[in-house]
mmCIF file of all heavy atoms, coordinates in Angstrom:
data_MODEL
# 
_entry.id   MODEL 
# 
loop_
_atom_site.group_PDB 
_atom_site.id 
_atom_site.type_symbol 
_atom_site.label_atom_id 
_atom_site.label_alt_id 
_atom_site.label_comp_id 
_atom_site.label_asym_id 
_atom_site.label_entity_id 
_atom_site.label_seq_id 
_atom_site.pdbx_PDB_ins_code 
_atom_site.Cartn_x 
_atom_site.Cartn_y 
_atom_site.Cartn_z 
_atom_site.occupancy 
_atom_site.B_iso_or_equiv 
_atom_site.pdbx_formal_charge 
_atom_site.auth_seq_id 
_atom_site.auth_comp_id 
_atom_site.auth_asym_id 
_atom_site.auth_atom_id 
_atom_site.pdbx_PDB_model_num 
ATOM 1   N N   . VAL A 1 1  ? 32.389 29.253 -50.964 1.00 0.00 ? 1  VAL A N   1 
ATOM 2   C CA  . VAL A 1 1  ? 33.115 30.479 -50.417 1.00 0.00 ? 1  VAL A CA  1 
ATOM 3   C C   . VAL A 1 1  ? 32.054 31.450 -50.045 1.00 0.00 ? 1  VAL A C   1 
ATOM 4   O O   . VAL A 1 1  ? 30.905 31.272 -50.307 1.00 0.00 ? 1  VAL A O   1 
ATOM 5   C CB  . VAL A 1 1  ? 33.945 31.049 -51.591 1.00 0.00 ? 1  VAL A CB  1 
ATOM 6   C CG1 . VAL A 1 1  ? 35.051 30.155 -52.057 1.00 0.00 ? 1  VAL A CG1 1 
ATOM 7   C CG2 . VAL A 1 1  ? 33.087 31.420 -52.844 1.00 0.00 ? 1  VAL A CG2 1 
ATOM 8   N N   . GLU A 1 2  ? 32.471 32.560 -49.369 1.00 0.00 ? 2  GLU A N   1 
ATOM 9   C CA  . GLU A 1 2  ? 31.531 33.591 -49.014 1.00 0.00 ? 2  GLU A CA  1 
ATOM 10  C C   . GLU A 1 2  ? 30.960 34.236 -50.251 1.00 0.00 ? 2  GLU A C   1 
ATOM 11  O O   . GLU A 1 2  ? 31.623 34.396 -51.287 1.00 0.00 ? 2  GLU A O   1 
ATOM 12  C CB  . GLU A 1 2  ? 32.266 34.572 -48.173 1.00 0.00 ? 2  GLU A CB  1 
ATOM 13  C CG  . GLU A 1 2  ? 32.709 34.073 -46.866 1.00 0.00 ? 2  GLU A CG  1 
ATOM 14  C CD  . GLU A 1 2  ? 33.438 35.145 -45.980 1.00 0.00 ? 2  GLU A CD  1 
ATOM 15  O OE1 . GLU A 1 2  ? 33.416 36.257 -46.482 1.00 0.00 ? 2  GLU A OE1 1 
ATOM 16  O OE2 . GLU A 1 2  ? 34.079 34.843 -45.013 1.00 0.00 ? 2  GLU A OE2 1 
ATOM 17  N N   . ARG A 1 3  ? 29.730 34.679 -50.160 1.00 0.00 ? 3  ARG A N   1 
ATOM 18  C CA  . ARG A 1 3  ? 29.061 35.249 -51.340 1.00 0.00 ? 3  ARG A CA  1 
ATOM 19  C C   . ARG A 1 3  ? 29.738 36.642 -51.717 1.00 0.00 ? 3  ARG A C   1 
ATOM 20  O O   . ARG A 1 3  ? 30.196 37.415 -50.667 1.00 0.00 ? 3  ARG A O   1 
ATOM 21  C CB  . ARG A 1 3  ? 27.609 35.568 -51.005 1.00 0.00 ? 3  ARG A CB  1 
ATOM 22  C CG  . ARG A 1 3  ? 26.837 36.229 -52.122 1.00 0.00 ? 3  ARG A CG  1 
ATOM 23  C CD  . ARG A 1 3  ? 25.461 36.572 -51.821 1.00 0.00 ? 3  ARG A CD  1 
ATOM 24  N NE  . ARG A 1 3  ? 24.767 37.253 -52.848 1.00 0.00 ? 3  ARG A NE  1 
ATOM 25  C CZ  . ARG A 1 3  ? 23.484 37.676 -52.825 1.00 0.00 ? 3  ARG A CZ  1 
ATOM 26  N NH1 . ARG A 1 3  ? 22.780 37.410 -51.635 1.00 0.00 ? 3  ARG A NH1 1 
ATOM 27  N NH2 . ARG A 1 3  ? 22.942 38.287 -53.854 1.00 0.00 ? 3  ARG A NH2 1 
ATOM 28  N N   . ILE A 1 4  ? 30.009 36.849 -52.900 1.00 0.00 ? 4  ILE A N   1 
ATOM 29  C CA  . ILE A 1 4  ? 30.644 38.098 -53.362 1.00 0.00 ? 4  ILE A CA  1 
ATOM 30  C C   . ILE A 1 4  ? 29.548 39.029 -53.895 1.00 0.00 ? 4  ILE A C   1 
ATOM 31  O O   . ILE A 1 4  ? 28.821 38.795 -54.863 1.00 0.00 ? 4  ILE A O   1 
ATOM 32  C CB  . ILE A 1 4  ? 31.626 37.693 -54.552 1.00 0.00 ? 4  ILE A CB  1 
ATOM 33  C CG1 . ILE A 1 4  ? 32.557 36.749 -54.133 1.00 0.00 ? 4  ILE A CG1 1 
ATOM 34  C CG2 . ILE A 1 4  ? 32.391 39.031 -55.032 1.00 0.00 ? 4  ILE A CG2 1 
ATOM 35  C CD1 . ILE A 1 4  ? 33.484 36.189 -55.293 1.00 0.00 ? 4  ILE A CD1 1 
ATOM 36  N N   . ARG A 1 5  ? 29.439 40.097 -53.176 1.00 0.00 ? 5  ARG A N   1 
ATOM 37  C CA  . ARG A 1 5  ? 28.396 41.111 -53.634 1.00 0.00 ? 5  ARG A CA  1 
ATOM 38  C C   . ARG A 1 5  ? 28.965 42.039 -54.623 1.00 0.00 ? 5  ARG A C   1 
ATOM 39  O O   . ARG A 1 5  ? 30.102 42.369 -54.696 1.00 0.00 ? 5  ARG A O   1 
ATOM 40  C CB  . ARG A 1 5  ? 27.966 41.893 -52.280 1.00 0.00 ? 5  ARG A CB  1 
ATOM 41  C CG  . ARG A 1 5  ? 27.336 40.952 -51.273 1.00 0.00 ? 5  ARG A CG  1 
ATOM 42  C CD  . ARG A 1 5  ? 26.887 41.723 -50.097 1.00 0.00 ? 5  ARG A CD  1 
ATOM 43  N NE  . ARG A 1 5  ? 26.411 40.879 -49.015 1.00 0.00 ? 5  ARG A NE  1 
ATOM 44  C CZ  . ARG A 1 5  ? 25.129 40.359 -48.959 1.00 0.00 ? 5  ARG A CZ  1 
ATOM 45  N NH1 . ARG A 1 5  ? 24.361 40.748 -49.945 1.00 0.00 ? 5  ARG A NH1 1 
ATOM 46  N NH2 . ARG A 1 5  ? 24.703 39.669 -47.993 1.00 0.00 ? 5  ARG A NH2 1 
ATOM 47  N N   . ASP A 1 6  ? 28.081 42.524 -55.433 1.00 0.00 ? 6  ASP A N   1 
ATOM 48  C CA  . ASP A 1 6  ? 28.381 43.574 -56.485 1.00 0.00 ? 6  ASP A CA  1 
ATOM 49  C C   . ASP A 1 6  ? 29.392 43.017 -57.296 1.00 0.00 ? 6  ASP A C   1 
ATOM 50  O O   . ASP A 1 6  ? 30.417 43.687 -57.666 1.00 0.00 ? 6  ASP A O   1 
ATOM 51  C CB  . ASP A 1 6  ? 28.784 44.922 -55.725 1.00 0.00 ? 6  ASP A CB  1 
ATOM 52  C CG  . ASP A 1 6  ? 27.781 45.521 -54.822 1.00 0.00 ? 6  ASP A CG  1 
ATOM 53  O OD1 . ASP A 1 6  ? 26.551 45.490 -55.185 1.00 0.00 ? 6  ASP A OD1 1 
ATOM 54  O OD2 . ASP A 1 6  ? 28.159 46.042 -53.851 1.00 0.00 ? 6  ASP A OD2 1 
ATOM 55  N N   . THR A 1 7  ? 29.307 41.839 -57.820 1.00 0.00 ? 7  THR A N   1 
ATOM 56  C CA  . THR A 1 7  ? 30.220 41.282 -58.670 1.00 0.00 ? 7  THR A CA  1 
ATOM 57  C C   . THR A 1 7  ? 30.483 41.936 -59.874 1.00 0.00 ? 7  THR A C   1 
ATOM 58  O O   . THR A 1 7  ? 31.673 41.971 -60.396 1.00 0.00 ? 7  THR A O   1 
ATOM 59  C CB  . THR A 1 7  ? 29.800 39.780 -58.967 1.00 0.00 ? 7  THR A CB  1 
ATOM 60  O OG1 . THR A 1 7  ? 28.633 39.796 -59.630 1.00 0.00 ? 7  THR A OG1 1 
ATOM 61  C CG2 . THR A 1 7  ? 29.731 38.881 -57.734 1.00 0.00 ? 7  THR A CG2 1 
ATOM 62  N N   . HIS A 1 8  ? 29.507 42.515 -60.647 1.00 0.00 ? 8  HIS A N   1 
ATOM 63  C CA  . HIS A 1 8  ? 29.783 43.213 -61.905 1.00 0.00 ? 8  HIS A CA  1 
ATOM 64  C C   . HIS A 1 8  ? 30.506 44.495 -61.715 1.00 0.00 ? 8  HIS A C   1 
ATOM 65  O O   . HIS A 1 8  ? 31.193 45.053 -62.663 1.00 0.00 ? 8  HIS A O   1 
ATOM 66  C CB  . HIS A 1 8  ? 28.399 43.467 -62.520 1.00 0.00 ? 8  HIS A CB  1 
ATOM 67  C CG  . HIS A 1 8  ? 27.732 42.429 -63.042 1.00 0.00 ? 8  HIS A CG  1 
ATOM 68  N ND1 . HIS A 1 8  ? 28.209 41.702 -64.188 1.00 0.00 ? 8  HIS A ND1 1 
ATOM 69  C CD2 . HIS A 1 8  ? 26.758 41.567 -62.464 1.00 0.00 ? 8  HIS A CD2 1 
ATOM 70  C CE1 . HIS A 1 8  ? 27.283 40.665 -64.404 1.00 0.00 ? 8  HIS A CE1 1 
ATOM 71  N NE2 . HIS A 1 8  ? 26.450 40.567 -63.439 1.00 0.00 ? 8  HIS A NE2 1 
ATOM 72  N N   . GLU A 1 9  ? 30.582 45.099 -60.407 1.00 0.00 ? 9  GLU A N   1 
ATOM 73  C CA  . GLU A 1 9  ? 31.369 46.379 -60.173 1.00 0.00 ? 9  GLU A CA  1 
ATOM 74  C C   . GLU A 1 9  ? 32.697 45.979 -59.554 1.00 0.00 ? 9  GLU A C   1 
ATOM 75  O O   . GLU A 1 9  ? 33.522 46.925 -59.463 1.00 0.00 ? 9  GLU A O   1 
ATOM 76  C CB  . GLU A 1 9  ? 30.579 47.289 -59.279 1.00 0.00 ? 9  GLU A CB  1 
ATOM 77  C CG  . GLU A 1 9  ? 29.322 47.870 -59.809 1.00 0.00 ? 9  GLU A CG  1 
ATOM 78  C CD  . GLU A 1 9  ? 28.118 46.945 -60.104 1.00 0.00 ? 9  GLU A CD  1 
ATOM 79  O OE1 . GLU A 1 9  ? 28.017 46.002 -59.166 1.00 0.00 ? 9  GLU A OE1 1 
ATOM 80  O OE2 . GLU A 1 9  ? 27.517 46.968 -61.162 1.00 0.00 ? 9  GLU A OE2 1 
ATOM 81  N N   . THR A 1 10 ? 32.901 44.759 -59.222 1.00 0.00 ? 10 THR A N   1 
ATOM 82  C CA  . THR A 1 10 ? 34.122 44.349 -58.616 1.00 0.00 ? 10 THR A CA  1 
ATOM 83  C C   . THR A 1 10 ? 35.229 44.283 -59.519 1.00 0.00 ? 10 THR A C   1 
ATOM 84  O O   . THR A 1 10 ? 35.182 43.760 -60.626 1.00 0.00 ? 10 THR A O   1 
ATOM 85  C CB  . THR A 1 10 ? 34.004 43.054 -57.852 1.00 0.00 ? 10 THR A CB  1 
ATOM 86  O OG1 . THR A 1 10 ? 32.883 43.060 -56.969 1.00 0.00 ? 10 THR A OG1 1 
ATOM 87  C CG2 . THR A 1 10 ? 35.217 42.609 -57.083 1.00 0.00 ? 10 THR A CG2 1 
ATOM 88  N N   . LYS A 1 11 ? 36.409 44.846 -59.250 1.00 0.00 ? 11 LYS A N   1 
ATOM 89  C CA  . LYS A 1 11 ? 37.547 44.894 -60.080 1.00 0.00 ? 11 LYS A CA  1 
ATOM 90  C C   . LYS A 1 11 ? 38.633 43.890 -59.833 1.00 0.00 ? 11 LYS A C   1 
ATOM 91  O O   . LYS A 1 11 ? 39.426 43.452 -60.602 1.00 0.00 ? 11 LYS A O   1 
ATOM 92  C CB  . LYS A 1 11 ? 38.199 46.294 -60.130 1.00 0.00 ? 11 LYS A CB  1 
ATOM 93  C CG  . LYS A 1 11 ? 37.308 47.418 -60.443 1.00 0.00 ? 11 LYS A CG  1 
ATOM 94  C CD  . LYS A 1 11 ? 36.644 47.291 -61.835 1.00 0.00 ? 11 LYS A CD  1 
ATOM 95  C CE  . LYS A 1 11 ? 35.698 48.475 -62.056 1.00 0.00 ? 11 LYS A CE  1 
ATOM 96  N NZ  . LYS A 1 11 ? 34.974 48.328 -63.299 1.00 0.00 ? 11 LYS A NZ  1 
ATOM 97  N N   . ARG A 1 12 ? 38.685 43.390 -58.577 1.00 0.00 ? 12 ARG A N   1 
ATOM 98  C CA  . ARG A 1 12 ? 39.696 42.424 -58.197 1.00 0.00 ? 12 ARG A CA  1 
ATOM 99  C C   . ARG A 1 12 ? 39.408 41.754 -56.880 1.00 0.00 ? 12 ARG A C   1 
ATOM 100 O O   . ARG A 1 12 ? 38.701 42.204 -55.989 1.00 0.00 ? 12 ARG A O   1 
ATOM 101 C CB  . ARG A 1 12 ? 41.014 43.254 -57.934 1.00 0.00 ? 12 ARG A CB  1 
ATOM 102 C CG  . ARG A 1 12 ? 42.267 42.386 -57.578 1.00 0.00 ? 12 ARG A CG  1 
ATOM 103 C CD  . ARG A 1 12 ? 43.507 43.253 -57.491 1.00 0.00 ? 12 ARG A CD  1 
ATOM 104 N NE  . ARG A 1 12 ? 43.451 44.079 -56.270 1.00 0.00 ? 12 ARG A NE  1 
ATOM 105 C CZ  . ARG A 1 12 ? 44.099 43.899 -55.134 1.00 0.00 ? 12 ARG A CZ  1 
ATOM 106 N NH1 . ARG A 1 12 ? 45.056 43.009 -55.134 1.00 0.00 ? 12 ARG A NH1 1 
ATOM 107 N NH2 . ARG A 1 12 ? 43.969 44.755 -54.211 1.00 0.00 ? 12 ARG A NH2 1 
ATOM 108 N N   . ILE A 1 13 ? 39.775 40.389 -56.906 1.00 0.00 ? 13 ILE A N   1 
ATOM 109 C CA  . ILE A 1 13 ? 39.478 39.546 -55.810 1.00 0.00 ? 13 ILE A CA  1 
ATOM 110 C C   . ILE A 1 13 ? 40.632 38.571 -55.587 1.00 0.00 ? 13 ILE A C   1 
ATOM 111 O O   . ILE A 1 13 ? 41.281 38.222 -56.557 1.00 0.00 ? 13 ILE A O   1 
ATOM 112 C CB  . ILE A 1 13 ? 38.144 38.857 -55.883 1.00 0.00 ? 13 ILE A CB  1 
ATOM 113 C CG1 . ILE A 1 13 ? 37.772 38.161 -54.509 1.00 0.00 ? 13 ILE A CG1 1 
ATOM 114 C CG2 . ILE A 1 13 ? 38.220 37.725 -56.917 1.00 0.00 ? 13 ILE A CG2 1 
ATOM 115 C CD1 . ILE A 1 13 ? 36.425 37.752 -54.423 1.00 0.00 ? 13 ILE A CD1 1 
ATOM 116 N N   . THR A 1 14 ? 40.889 38.295 -54.281 1.00 0.00 ? 14 THR A N   1 
ATOM 117 C CA  . THR A 1 14 ? 41.962 37.361 -53.949 1.00 0.00 ? 14 THR A CA  1 
ATOM 118 C C   . THR A 1 14 ? 41.415 36.155 -53.234 1.00 0.00 ? 14 THR A C   1 
ATOM 119 O O   . THR A 1 14 ? 40.679 36.387 -52.281 1.00 0.00 ? 14 THR A O   1 
ATOM 120 C CB  . THR A 1 14 ? 43.093 38.051 -53.231 1.00 0.00 ? 14 THR A CB  1 
ATOM 121 O OG1 . THR A 1 14 ? 43.765 39.060 -53.904 1.00 0.00 ? 14 THR A OG1 1 
ATOM 122 C CG2 . THR A 1 14 ? 44.127 36.966 -52.825 1.00 0.00 ? 14 THR A CG2 1 
ATOM 123 N N   . TYR A 1 15 ? 41.722 34.946 -53.699 1.00 0.00 ? 15 TYR A N   1 
ATOM 124 C CA  . TYR A 1 15 ? 41.325 33.727 -53.049 1.00 0.00 ? 15 TYR A CA  1 
ATOM 125 C C   . TYR A 1 15 ? 42.554 33.206 -52.242 1.00 0.00 ? 15 TYR A C   1 
ATOM 126 O O   . TYR A 1 15 ? 43.612 33.116 -52.936 1.00 0.00 ? 15 TYR A O   1 
ATOM 127 C CB  . TYR A 1 15 ? 40.738 32.792 -54.032 1.00 0.00 ? 15 TYR A CB  1 
ATOM 128 C CG  . TYR A 1 15 ? 39.325 33.121 -54.584 1.00 0.00 ? 15 TYR A CG  1 
ATOM 129 C CD1 . TYR A 1 15 ? 39.293 33.882 -55.739 1.00 0.00 ? 15 TYR A CD1 1 
ATOM 130 C CD2 . TYR A 1 15 ? 38.306 32.647 -54.006 1.00 0.00 ? 15 TYR A CD2 1 
ATOM 131 C CE1 . TYR A 1 15 ? 38.085 34.156 -56.288 1.00 0.00 ? 15 TYR A CE1 1 
ATOM 132 C CE2 . TYR A 1 15 ? 37.014 32.984 -54.501 1.00 0.00 ? 15 TYR A CE2 1 
ATOM 133 C CZ  . TYR A 1 15 ? 36.877 33.863 -55.639 1.00 0.00 ? 15 TYR A CZ  1 
ATOM 134 O OH  . TYR A 1 15 ? 35.702 34.135 -56.112 1.00 0.00 ? 15 TYR A OH  1 
ATOM 135 N N   . ARG A 1 16 ? 42.259 32.610 -51.107 1.00 0.00 ? 16 ARG A N   1 
ATOM 136 C CA  . ARG A 1 16 ? 43.408 31.767 -50.466 1.00 0.00 ? 16 ARG A CA  1 
ATOM 137 C C   . ARG A 1 16 ? 42.823 30.367 -50.608 1.00 0.00 ? 16 ARG A C   1 
ATOM 138 O O   . ARG A 1 16 ? 41.797 29.996 -50.126 1.00 0.00 ? 16 ARG A O   1 
ATOM 139 C CB  . ARG A 1 16 ? 43.437 32.250 -49.020 1.00 0.00 ? 16 ARG A CB  1 
ATOM 140 C CG  . ARG A 1 16 ? 44.550 31.480 -48.187 1.00 0.00 ? 16 ARG A CG  1 
ATOM 141 C CD  . ARG A 1 16 ? 44.781 32.177 -46.882 1.00 0.00 ? 16 ARG A CD  1 
ATOM 142 N NE  . ARG A 1 16 ? 45.506 33.442 -47.076 1.00 0.00 ? 16 ARG A NE  1 
ATOM 143 C CZ  . ARG A 1 16 ? 45.775 34.207 -46.072 1.00 0.00 ? 16 ARG A CZ  1 
ATOM 144 N NH1 . ARG A 1 16 ? 45.279 34.001 -44.958 1.00 0.00 ? 16 ARG A NH1 1 
ATOM 145 N NH2 . ARG A 1 16 ? 46.376 35.438 -46.340 1.00 0.00 ? 16 ARG A NH2 1 
ATOM 146 N N   . ILE A 1 17 ? 43.711 29.601 -51.110 1.00 0.00 ? 17 ILE A N   1 
ATOM 147 C CA  . ILE A 1 17 ? 43.506 28.144 -51.313 1.00 0.00 ? 17 ILE A CA  1 
ATOM 148 C C   . ILE A 1 17 ? 44.496 27.311 -50.540 1.00 0.00 ? 17 ILE A C   1 
ATOM 149 O O   . ILE A 1 17 ? 45.651 27.534 -50.517 1.00 0.00 ? 17 ILE A O   1 
ATOM 150 C CB  . ILE A 1 17 ? 43.629 27.833 -52.851 1.00 0.00 ? 17 ILE A CB  1 
ATOM 151 C CG1 . ILE A 1 17 ? 42.682 28.721 -53.541 1.00 0.00 ? 17 ILE A CG1 1 
ATOM 152 C CG2 . ILE A 1 17 ? 43.327 26.376 -53.110 1.00 0.00 ? 17 ILE A CG2 1 
ATOM 153 C CD1 . ILE A 1 17 ? 42.821 28.498 -55.171 1.00 0.00 ? 17 ILE A CD1 1 
ATOM 154 N N   . THR A 1 18 ? 43.917 26.347 -49.787 1.00 0.00 ? 18 THR A N   1 
ATOM 155 C CA  . THR A 1 18 ? 44.677 25.344 -48.995 1.00 0.00 ? 18 THR A CA  1 
ATOM 156 C C   . THR A 1 18 ? 44.333 23.971 -49.331 1.00 0.00 ? 18 THR A C   1 
ATOM 157 O O   . THR A 1 18 ? 43.191 23.520 -49.552 1.00 0.00 ? 18 THR A O   1 
ATOM 158 C CB  . THR A 1 18 ? 44.354 25.529 -47.508 1.00 0.00 ? 18 THR A CB  1 
ATOM 159 O OG1 . THR A 1 18 ? 44.731 26.846 -47.114 1.00 0.00 ? 18 THR A OG1 1 
ATOM 160 C CG2 . THR A 1 18 ? 45.211 24.512 -46.675 1.00 0.00 ? 18 THR A CG2 1 
ATOM 161 N N   . ILE A 1 19 ? 45.420 23.243 -49.779 1.00 0.00 ? 19 ILE A N   1 
ATOM 162 C CA  . ILE A 1 19 ? 45.248 21.776 -50.073 1.00 0.00 ? 19 ILE A CA  1 
ATOM 163 C C   . ILE A 1 19 ? 46.269 21.073 -49.156 1.00 0.00 ? 19 ILE A C   1 
ATOM 164 O O   . ILE A 1 19 ? 47.435 21.269 -49.336 1.00 0.00 ? 19 ILE A O   1 
ATOM 165 C CB  . ILE A 1 19 ? 45.668 21.447 -51.507 1.00 0.00 ? 19 ILE A CB  1 
ATOM 166 C CG1 . ILE A 1 19 ? 44.727 22.326 -52.497 1.00 0.00 ? 19 ILE A CG1 1 
ATOM 167 C CG2 . ILE A 1 19 ? 45.397 19.895 -51.757 1.00 0.00 ? 19 ILE A CG2 1 
ATOM 168 C CD1 . ILE A 1 19 ? 45.130 22.049 -54.015 1.00 0.00 ? 19 ILE A CD1 1 
ATOM 169 N N   . PRO A 1 20 ? 45.757 20.320 -48.159 1.00 0.00 ? 20 PRO A N   1 
ATOM 170 C CA  . PRO A 1 20 ? 46.707 19.548 -47.262 1.00 0.00 ? 20 PRO A CA  1 
ATOM 171 C C   . PRO A 1 20 ? 47.677 18.705 -47.870 1.00 0.00 ? 20 PRO A C   1 
ATOM 172 O O   . PRO A 1 20 ? 47.324 17.946 -48.879 1.00 0.00 ? 20 PRO A O   1 
ATOM 173 C CB  . PRO A 1 20 ? 45.695 18.738 -46.458 1.00 0.00 ? 20 PRO A CB  1 
ATOM 174 C CG  . PRO A 1 20 ? 44.429 19.472 -46.483 1.00 0.00 ? 20 PRO A CG  1 
ATOM 175 C CD  . PRO A 1 20 ? 44.314 20.026 -47.891 1.00 0.00 ? 20 PRO A CD  1 
ATOM 176 N N   . ASP A 1 21 ? 48.914 18.869 -47.587 1.00 0.00 ? 21 ASP A N   1 
ATOM 177 C CA  . ASP A 1 21 ? 50.038 18.067 -48.070 1.00 0.00 ? 21 ASP A CA  1 
ATOM 178 C C   . ASP A 1 21 ? 50.233 18.234 -49.605 1.00 0.00 ? 21 ASP A C   1 
ATOM 179 O O   . ASP A 1 21 ? 50.873 17.367 -50.302 1.00 0.00 ? 21 ASP A O   1 
ATOM 180 C CB  . ASP A 1 21 ? 49.797 16.541 -47.829 1.00 0.00 ? 21 ASP A CB  1 
ATOM 181 C CG  . ASP A 1 21 ? 49.604 16.368 -46.278 1.00 0.00 ? 21 ASP A CG  1 
ATOM 182 O OD1 . ASP A 1 21 ? 50.395 16.955 -45.516 1.00 0.00 ? 21 ASP A OD1 1 
ATOM 183 O OD2 . ASP A 1 21 ? 48.762 15.428 -45.911 1.00 0.00 ? 21 ASP A OD2 1 
ATOM 184 N N   . GLU A 1 22 ? 49.875 19.432 -50.119 1.00 0.00 ? 22 GLU A N   1 
ATOM 185 C CA  . GLU A 1 22 ? 50.083 19.621 -51.631 1.00 0.00 ? 22 GLU A CA  1 
ATOM 186 C C   . GLU A 1 22 ? 50.178 21.093 -51.864 1.00 0.00 ? 22 GLU A C   1 
ATOM 187 O O   . GLU A 1 22 ? 49.531 21.919 -51.144 1.00 0.00 ? 22 GLU A O   1 
ATOM 188 C CB  . GLU A 1 22 ? 48.861 18.853 -52.503 1.00 0.00 ? 22 GLU A CB  1 
ATOM 189 C CG  . GLU A 1 22 ? 49.281 18.706 -53.853 1.00 0.00 ? 22 GLU A CG  1 
ATOM 190 C CD  . GLU A 1 22 ? 48.295 17.833 -54.541 1.00 0.00 ? 22 GLU A CD  1 
ATOM 191 O OE1 . GLU A 1 22 ? 47.396 17.154 -53.887 1.00 0.00 ? 22 GLU A OE1 1 
ATOM 192 O OE2 . GLU A 1 22 ? 48.197 17.786 -55.822 1.00 0.00 ? 22 GLU A OE2 1 
ATOM 193 N N   . ASP A 1 23 ? 50.876 21.479 -52.835 1.00 0.00 ? 23 ASP A N   1 
ATOM 194 C CA  . ASP A 1 23 ? 51.070 22.782 -53.181 1.00 0.00 ? 23 ASP A CA  1 
ATOM 195 C C   . ASP A 1 23 ? 49.995 23.239 -54.265 1.00 0.00 ? 23 ASP A C   1 
ATOM 196 O O   . ASP A 1 23 ? 50.074 22.931 -55.442 1.00 0.00 ? 23 ASP A O   1 
ATOM 197 C CB  . ASP A 1 23 ? 52.479 23.074 -53.776 1.00 0.00 ? 23 ASP A CB  1 
ATOM 198 C CG  . ASP A 1 23 ? 52.774 24.513 -54.179 1.00 0.00 ? 23 ASP A CG  1 
ATOM 199 O OD1 . ASP A 1 23 ? 51.906 25.326 -53.773 1.00 0.00 ? 23 ASP A OD1 1 
ATOM 200 O OD2 . ASP A 1 23 ? 53.742 24.831 -54.759 1.00 0.00 ? 23 ASP A OD2 1 
ATOM 201 N N   . PRO A 1 24 ? 48.975 24.151 -53.900 1.00 0.00 ? 24 PRO A N   1 
ATOM 202 C CA  . PRO A 1 24 ? 47.963 24.418 -54.757 1.00 0.00 ? 24 PRO A CA  1 
ATOM 203 C C   . PRO A 1 24 ? 48.454 25.293 -55.894 1.00 0.00 ? 24 PRO A C   1 
ATOM 204 O O   . PRO A 1 24 ? 47.898 25.403 -56.950 1.00 0.00 ? 24 PRO A O   1 
ATOM 205 C CB  . PRO A 1 24 ? 46.954 25.276 -53.887 1.00 0.00 ? 24 PRO A CB  1 
ATOM 206 C CG  . PRO A 1 24 ? 47.752 25.686 -52.704 1.00 0.00 ? 24 PRO A CG  1 
ATOM 207 C CD  . PRO A 1 24 ? 48.759 24.629 -52.434 1.00 0.00 ? 24 PRO A CD  1 
ATOM 208 N N   . ALA A 1 25 ? 49.649 26.097 -55.716 1.00 0.00 ? 25 ALA A N   1 
ATOM 209 C CA  . ALA A 1 25 ? 50.191 26.872 -56.780 1.00 0.00 ? 25 ALA A CA  1 
ATOM 210 C C   . ALA A 1 25 ? 50.557 26.148 -57.922 1.00 0.00 ? 25 ALA A C   1 
ATOM 211 O O   . ALA A 1 25 ? 50.645 26.761 -59.049 1.00 0.00 ? 25 ALA A O   1 
ATOM 212 C CB  . ALA A 1 25 ? 51.366 27.663 -56.283 1.00 0.00 ? 25 ALA A CB  1 
ATOM 213 N N   . ALA A 1 26 ? 50.858 24.846 -57.794 1.00 0.00 ? 26 ALA A N   1 
ATOM 214 C CA  . ALA A 1 26 ? 51.171 24.036 -58.987 1.00 0.00 ? 26 ALA A CA  1 
ATOM 215 C C   . ALA A 1 26 ? 50.041 23.756 -59.820 1.00 0.00 ? 26 ALA A C   1 
ATOM 216 O O   . ALA A 1 26 ? 50.192 23.203 -60.939 1.00 0.00 ? 26 ALA A O   1 
ATOM 217 C CB  . ALA A 1 26 ? 51.861 22.699 -58.375 1.00 0.00 ? 26 ALA A CB  1 
# 
């Protein structure tokens, strides 16, 4: 994934996950 800068000061992050032919939410 892209480098996350200032991680200790970061309060929230959202990742988008894709798995072909499968539901990652499961």
